[in-house]
C-alpha cells in the first residue's frame, strides 16, 4: 500500500530558530517514517521579498544542513532545492491561468507584504499562493504541515486543484493542512513581544546557529518580573514561555522544582534562567555542530541536493505528463 504524500518547504531567508524546530522540524522527523515526504528549500519564493541574492547560496546550504542536523534523513525523504525541480515552474504557469487577480489581492499575506514594503509589489509577490500551490500539487501531496498563517494558501491550492480538475479532468487530489491533530508548540520571543523570528528581534530569538555564550546571554536577558505574590498565581505569557522552554529541554525534576517554587512564591528567576541556559546549550550545541560540519563539506551538500532533486523530479515529471495530457498540449 502506497504512503500518503506530505510536502513542506521553508524559505532560505534569515536563520532557523528554536521555534522552527519545535513548531515544525521535530514533526518532520516523525513524518519521514510514516509518509512519503518531500521537503524543500523555497529559493524562488525568497526572491519575491529578497531580490539581493549575494547570500542566497550560503543560506540554502545552511537550511539543508540544519534540517539534516535536526534529524531529517535524506535517504528517507526527498530533500531538495525548489529551483532544481523545473517542473514546478511549468505547473506554476498552468495554475496561473486558473488564478484571478481579485482573489490574489485579498490574501492576508499579500496585503501584509504590501503594507510592509509598498515599493516592492511585484507579480511574484501577488502570485505567491499560485507558486505555493504548484509546490504542493506537483507531487500530488495531500498533507501539508503549516501554521495558521499559511492555511489560507492551502485553501487556495485546493481551489486551484479543483478548478483544474473541473476544467481538464481529474489529476489532483485535494491537499489539506496537517499537524498530527495536535496543538503546535508555540515559542514566544524572549522579550515576550511575539513569536521568535527568522530575521527580526534577534536578541530575543534563539537561533540554531547561536554559539553557547550567545545562548546563555539571550536567556539571561529574557523578560521576567518580580515573581508571584499569591500562591498558585496564573503565569504571564512571558513567564509561561520560560516554563515552556524548560519543559522542552530540561529534565522533569528540574521543571517540577521551578513549578513548585513559582506556585509557592519563592521562585528566583535568575537561578531558573541559569539552569535553563545550561540545559538549552546542552540541547542546541549538537545541532549547531552537526550543521556546521555539513556546511563545511560542500561536496556532501551538493550530493544531498542532487539526489533530492532527482527523487523530486521523478514525482514531478509524472505529474506534468498527466497535466500536459489533460490540458492537451502534448503535440508530438
Protein backbone atom coordinates (compact mmCIF):
# COMPACT_ATOMS: atom_id res chain seq x y z
CA UNK A 1 0.00 0.00 0.00
CA UNK A 2 1.47 3.36 -1.05
CA UNK A 3 2.05 6.02 1.60
CA UNK A 4 0.28 9.38 1.59
CA UNK A 5 2.42 12.24 0.31
CA UNK A 6 3.50 15.02 2.67
CA UNK A 7 5.15 18.21 1.47
CA UNK A 8 6.61 21.23 3.21
CA UNK A 9 9.06 24.00 2.31
CA UNK A 10 10.99 26.72 4.07
CA UNK A 11 12.37 29.94 2.65
CA UNK A 12 16.15 30.49 2.95
CA UNK A 13 15.68 33.94 4.46
CA UNK A 14 17.00 34.63 7.93
CA UNK A 15 18.21 31.91 10.30
CA UNK A 16 16.27 28.89 11.53
CA UNK A 17 15.45 29.14 15.23
CA UNK A 18 14.10 27.17 18.15
CA UNK A 19 10.51 27.97 17.18
CA UNK A 20 11.10 26.43 13.74
CA UNK A 21 12.49 23.30 15.38
CA UNK A 22 9.68 22.68 17.87
CA UNK A 23 6.92 24.10 15.67
CA UNK A 24 7.80 22.20 12.50
CA UNK A 25 11.07 20.34 12.12
CA UNK A 26 10.55 17.95 15.02
CA UNK A 27 7.29 16.85 13.38
CA UNK A 28 9.04 16.41 10.02
CA UNK A 29 11.38 13.89 11.62
CA UNK A 30 8.38 11.90 12.80
CA UNK A 31 6.64 12.19 9.42
CA UNK A 32 9.57 10.76 7.47
CA UNK A 33 8.88 7.31 8.91
CA UNK A 34 5.13 7.39 8.26
CA UNK A 35 4.69 9.17 4.92
CA UNK A 36 6.30 9.74 1.54
CA UNK A 37 7.92 13.09 2.30
CA UNK A 38 9.11 15.94 0.11
CA UNK A 39 10.87 18.77 1.96
CA UNK A 40 12.37 21.66 0.04
CA UNK A 41 14.18 24.98 0.32
CA UNK A 42 11.95 27.61 -1.29
CA UNK A 43 14.58 29.75 -3.03
CA UNK A 44 12.18 31.04 -5.73
CA UNK A 45 9.77 32.17 -3.03
CA UNK A 46 12.56 34.13 -1.32
CA UNK A 47 13.08 36.25 -4.45
CA UNK A 48 9.66 37.88 -4.01
CA UNK A 49 10.90 39.80 -0.97
CA UNK A 50 14.69 39.31 -1.03
CA UNK A 51 15.89 40.11 -4.56
CA UNK A 52 19.53 40.51 -3.41
CA UNK A 53 20.97 37.03 -3.90
CA UNK A 54 24.56 37.51 -2.70
CA UNK A 55 23.96 35.34 0.37
CA UNK A 56 21.39 33.00 -1.18
CA UNK A 57 23.74 30.07 -1.81
CA UNK A 58 25.09 30.12 1.75
CA UNK A 59 21.56 30.41 3.11
CA UNK A 60 20.35 27.43 1.05
CA UNK A 61 23.30 25.34 2.24
CA UNK A 62 22.65 26.32 5.85
CA UNK A 63 18.95 25.37 5.68
CA UNK A 64 19.77 21.98 4.12
CA UNK A 65 22.45 21.30 6.75
CA UNK A 66 20.26 22.37 9.68
CA UNK A 67 17.36 20.22 8.52
CA UNK A 68 19.63 17.17 8.45
CA UNK A 69 21.21 18.12 11.79
CA UNK A 70 17.70 18.26 13.29
CA UNK A 71 17.06 14.67 12.24
CA UNK A 72 15.84 14.57 8.63
CA UNK A 73 17.30 11.59 6.81
CA UNK A 74 17.99 12.37 3.11
CA UNK A 75 17.77 8.63 2.42
CA UNK A 76 14.17 8.56 3.67
CA UNK A 77 12.90 11.86 2.23
CA UNK A 78 13.35 13.95 -0.89
CA UNK A 79 15.26 16.96 0.45
CA UNK A 80 15.76 19.38 -2.43
CA UNK A 81 16.01 22.98 -3.60
CA UNK A 82 12.90 24.35 -5.31
CA UNK A 83 14.73 25.76 -8.36
CA UNK A 84 16.29 22.35 -9.09
CA UNK A 85 12.84 20.98 -9.97
CA UNK A 86 11.93 22.93 -13.11
CA UNK A 87 8.60 21.14 -13.46
CA UNK A 88 7.34 23.34 -10.63
CA UNK A 89 7.68 26.45 -12.81
CA UNK A 90 5.72 24.84 -15.66
CA UNK A 91 2.89 23.84 -13.34
CA UNK A 92 3.00 27.37 -11.87
CA UNK A 93 2.31 28.68 -15.38
CA UNK A 94 -0.72 26.43 -15.91
CA UNK A 95 -2.14 27.26 -12.48
CA UNK A 96 -1.74 30.99 -13.09
CA UNK A 97 -4.36 30.61 -15.82
CA UNK A 98 -6.77 29.45 -13.10
CA UNK A 99 -5.98 32.19 -10.57
CA UNK A 100 -7.79 35.51 -10.51
CA UNK A 101 -6.38 38.92 -9.67
CA UNK A 102 -9.13 39.72 -7.18
CA UNK A 103 -8.64 36.62 -5.05
CA UNK A 104 -4.86 37.01 -5.05
CA UNK A 105 -5.09 40.62 -3.90
CA UNK A 106 -7.30 39.58 -0.98
CA UNK A 107 -4.81 37.14 0.56
CA UNK A 108 -3.71 38.17 4.03
CA UNK A 109 0.00 37.62 3.38
CA UNK A 110 -0.09 39.73 0.19
CA UNK A 111 -1.80 42.62 1.99
CA UNK A 112 0.73 42.36 4.84
CA UNK A 113 3.71 42.39 2.47
CA UNK A 114 2.31 45.37 0.54
CA UNK A 115 1.86 47.29 3.78
CA UNK A 116 5.39 46.49 4.96
CA UNK A 117 7.14 47.11 1.64
CA UNK A 118 4.95 49.15 -0.75
CA UNK A 119 7.89 49.78 -3.12
CA UNK A 120 8.27 46.07 -3.93
CA UNK A 121 4.83 44.90 -5.05
CA UNK A 122 5.96 42.55 -7.82
CA UNK A 123 3.95 39.98 -9.78
CA UNK A 124 5.76 37.16 -7.97
CA UNK A 125 4.52 38.53 -4.65
CA UNK A 126 0.96 38.67 -5.96
CA UNK A 127 1.09 35.11 -7.32
CA UNK A 128 2.96 33.67 -4.33
CA UNK A 129 -0.03 31.42 -3.46
CA UNK A 130 -0.02 30.04 -7.01
CA UNK A 131 3.64 29.06 -6.79
CA UNK A 132 2.95 27.52 -3.37
CA UNK A 133 0.10 25.55 -4.93
CA UNK A 134 2.47 24.34 -7.67
CA UNK A 135 4.95 23.21 -4.99
CA UNK A 136 2.23 21.09 -3.41
CA UNK A 137 0.39 19.83 -6.45
CA UNK A 138 3.49 18.89 -8.43
CA UNK A 139 3.84 15.90 -6.07
CA UNK A 140 0.08 15.49 -5.67
CA UNK A 141 0.62 15.92 -1.94
CA UNK A 142 -2.40 15.52 0.32
CA UNK A 143 -0.90 16.61 3.63
CA UNK A 144 0.87 19.92 4.12
CA UNK A 145 2.22 20.75 7.60
CA UNK A 146 1.75 24.51 8.01
CA UNK A 147 0.98 27.06 10.68
CA UNK A 148 -2.24 29.05 10.97
CA UNK A 149 -0.83 31.89 8.86
CA UNK A 150 -0.48 29.58 5.83
CA UNK A 151 -3.84 27.81 5.98
CA UNK A 152 -5.39 30.34 3.58
CA UNK A 153 -2.76 29.35 1.00
CA UNK A 154 -3.63 25.67 1.42
CA UNK A 155 -7.28 26.50 0.81
CA UNK A 156 -6.27 28.34 -2.36
CA UNK A 157 -4.17 25.38 -3.52
CA UNK A 158 -7.22 23.18 -3.02
CA UNK A 159 -9.30 25.64 -5.07
CA UNK A 160 -6.77 25.62 -7.92
CA UNK A 161 -6.71 21.82 -7.90
CA UNK A 162 -10.50 21.66 -8.06
CA UNK A 163 -10.64 24.22 -10.89
CA UNK A 164 -8.04 22.29 -12.87
CA UNK A 165 -9.88 19.00 -12.34
CA UNK A 166 -13.20 20.59 -13.32
CA UNK A 167 -11.78 22.16 -16.47
CA UNK A 168 -9.37 19.47 -17.71
CA UNK A 169 -10.06 16.21 -15.89
CA UNK A 170 -9.23 14.59 -12.59
CA UNK A 171 -5.48 14.95 -11.95
CA UNK A 172 -5.01 16.41 -8.48
CA UNK A 173 -6.10 15.25 -5.01
CA UNK A 174 -7.26 17.98 -2.62
CA UNK A 175 -4.45 18.98 -0.23
CA UNK A 176 -5.15 19.95 3.35
CA UNK A 177 -3.24 21.34 6.32
CA UNK A 178 -1.85 18.67 8.62
CA UNK A 179 -0.15 18.61 12.00
CA UNK A 180 -0.99 15.26 13.62
CA UNK A 181 -4.19 16.76 15.05
CA UNK A 182 -2.27 18.20 17.99
CA UNK A 183 -1.69 21.76 19.13
CA UNK A 184 1.61 23.03 17.75
CA UNK A 185 4.21 24.19 20.25
CA UNK A 186 4.43 27.98 20.08
CA UNK A 187 7.71 29.51 21.16
CA UNK A 188 7.49 33.19 22.06
CA UNK A 189 10.39 35.60 21.72
CA UNK A 190 12.36 36.00 24.93
CA UNK A 191 11.16 39.58 25.40
CA UNK A 192 7.51 38.49 25.32
CA UNK A 193 6.55 40.56 22.26
CA UNK A 194 5.51 37.78 19.85
CA UNK A 195 6.88 34.67 18.17
CA UNK A 196 10.57 34.06 17.62
CA UNK A 197 11.57 35.41 14.21
CA UNK A 198 14.00 34.33 11.49
CA UNK A 199 15.10 37.91 10.86
CA UNK A 200 13.64 40.32 13.44
CA UNK A 201 14.26 40.90 17.14
CA UNK A 202 17.44 38.83 17.01
CA UNK A 203 18.49 39.13 20.67
CA UNK A 204 15.11 37.69 21.72
CA UNK A 205 15.34 34.68 19.38
CA UNK A 206 17.39 31.51 19.88
CA UNK A 207 18.86 30.56 16.51
CA UNK A 208 20.09 27.05 15.79
CA UNK A 209 23.45 28.57 14.77
CA UNK A 210 23.94 30.53 18.03
CA UNK A 211 27.10 29.69 19.99
CA UNK A 212 26.91 28.62 23.64
CA UNK A 213 27.76 32.02 25.14
CA UNK A 214 25.19 33.80 22.98
CA UNK A 215 22.51 31.31 24.03
CA UNK A 216 23.34 32.00 27.68
CA UNK A 217 23.37 35.76 27.12
CA UNK A 218 19.98 35.79 25.41
CA UNK A 219 18.30 33.65 28.06
CA UNK A 220 19.72 35.73 30.90
CA UNK A 221 18.20 38.81 29.23
CA UNK A 222 14.77 37.17 28.88
CA UNK A 223 11.87 39.17 30.26
CA UNK A 224 10.78 38.27 33.78
CA UNK A 225 9.23 40.16 36.70
CA UNK A 226 9.47 40.25 40.49
CA UNK A 227 7.58 36.96 40.80
CA UNK A 228 4.08 35.98 42.01
CA UNK A 229 2.68 37.48 45.18
CA UNK A 230 -0.01 34.84 45.79
CA UNK A 231 0.27 31.03 45.71
CA UNK A 232 -0.80 29.27 42.50
CA UNK A 233 -0.98 32.52 40.55
CA UNK A 234 -1.53 32.49 36.79
CA UNK A 235 1.70 32.91 34.85
CA UNK A 236 2.03 35.91 32.48
CA UNK A 237 2.72 34.87 28.86
CA UNK A 238 6.43 35.67 29.03
CA UNK A 239 6.85 33.61 32.21
CA UNK A 240 4.78 30.78 30.73
CA UNK A 241 7.19 30.82 27.79
CA UNK A 242 10.16 30.29 30.14
CA UNK A 243 8.43 27.24 31.57
CA UNK A 244 7.55 26.02 28.05
CA UNK A 245 11.24 26.18 27.10
CA UNK A 246 12.21 24.37 30.27
CA UNK A 247 9.58 21.70 29.59
CA UNK A 248 11.18 21.11 26.18
CA UNK A 249 14.86 20.88 27.16
CA UNK A 250 15.13 20.26 30.91
CA UNK A 251 14.51 17.13 32.96
CA UNK A 252 11.16 16.58 34.64
CA UNK A 253 12.55 17.00 38.15
CA UNK A 254 14.10 20.38 37.24
CA UNK A 255 10.82 21.56 35.76
CA UNK A 256 8.84 20.41 38.81
CA UNK A 257 11.29 22.18 41.14
CA UNK A 258 10.67 25.54 39.47
CA UNK A 259 6.94 24.92 39.12
CA UNK A 260 6.76 24.34 42.87
CA UNK A 261 8.88 27.44 43.52
CA UNK A 262 6.57 29.55 41.35
CA UNK A 263 3.41 28.20 42.97
CA UNK A 264 4.94 28.78 46.41
CA UNK A 265 6.00 32.35 45.58
CA UNK A 266 9.67 31.51 46.21
CA UNK A 267 10.97 31.41 42.65
CA UNK A 268 14.28 33.07 41.83
CA UNK A 269 14.20 33.82 38.12
CA UNK A 270 17.96 34.37 37.97
CA UNK A 271 18.55 30.79 39.10
CA UNK A 272 15.88 29.49 36.70
CA UNK A 273 17.50 31.31 33.78
CA UNK A 274 20.94 29.91 34.59
CA UNK A 275 19.52 26.38 34.71
CA UNK A 276 17.53 26.89 31.51
CA UNK A 277 20.56 28.37 29.74
CA UNK A 278 22.74 25.35 30.52
CA UNK A 279 20.01 22.91 29.52
CA UNK A 280 19.43 24.85 26.30
CA UNK A 281 23.15 24.83 25.47
CA UNK A 282 23.21 21.07 26.00
CA UNK A 283 20.22 20.66 23.67
CA UNK A 284 21.24 23.07 20.91
CA UNK A 285 25.02 22.65 20.63
CA UNK A 286 24.92 19.18 18.94
CA UNK A 287 22.55 20.55 16.26
CA UNK A 288 24.82 23.56 15.64
CA UNK A 289 27.97 21.44 15.47
CA UNK A 290 26.47 18.89 13.07
CA UNK A 291 25.13 21.64 10.81
CA UNK A 292 28.45 23.50 10.80
CA UNK A 293 30.34 20.34 9.84
CA UNK A 294 27.96 19.72 6.94
CA UNK A 295 28.12 23.32 5.73
CA UNK A 296 31.90 22.99 5.53
CA UNK A 297 31.57 19.88 3.34
CA UNK A 298 30.36 21.37 0.05
CA UNK A 299 30.68 18.08 -1.83
CA UNK A 300 28.39 16.34 0.66
CA UNK A 301 25.78 19.10 0.41
CA UNK A 302 25.95 19.07 -3.39
CA UNK A 303 25.38 15.31 -3.40
CA UNK A 304 22.42 15.61 -1.00
CA UNK A 305 20.79 18.33 -3.10
CA UNK A 306 21.40 16.47 -6.37
CA UNK A 307 19.95 13.23 -5.02
CA UNK A 308 16.98 15.07 -3.52
CA UNK A 309 16.26 16.85 -6.78
CA UNK A 310 16.41 13.58 -8.71
CA UNK A 311 13.86 11.99 -6.35
CA UNK A 312 11.61 15.03 -6.57
CA UNK A 313 11.80 15.23 -10.36
CA UNK A 314 10.62 11.63 -10.76
CA UNK A 315 7.41 12.54 -8.95
CA UNK A 316 7.13 15.97 -10.61
CA UNK A 317 7.69 14.62 -14.14
CA UNK A 318 4.91 12.06 -13.72
CA UNK A 319 2.54 14.81 -12.61
CA UNK A 320 3.49 17.10 -15.51
CA UNK A 321 2.90 14.28 -18.00
CA UNK A 322 -0.61 13.91 -16.60
CA UNK A 323 -1.13 17.69 -16.65
CA UNK A 324 0.03 18.12 -20.25
CA UNK A 325 -2.19 15.25 -21.37
CA UNK A 326 -5.17 16.71 -19.53
CA UNK A 327 -4.63 20.23 -20.88
CA UNK A 328 -3.94 18.91 -24.37
CA UNK A 329 -0.52 20.42 -25.00
CA UNK A 330 1.12 17.09 -25.96
CA UNK A 331 1.55 17.68 -29.70
CA UNK A 332 4.26 15.15 -30.54
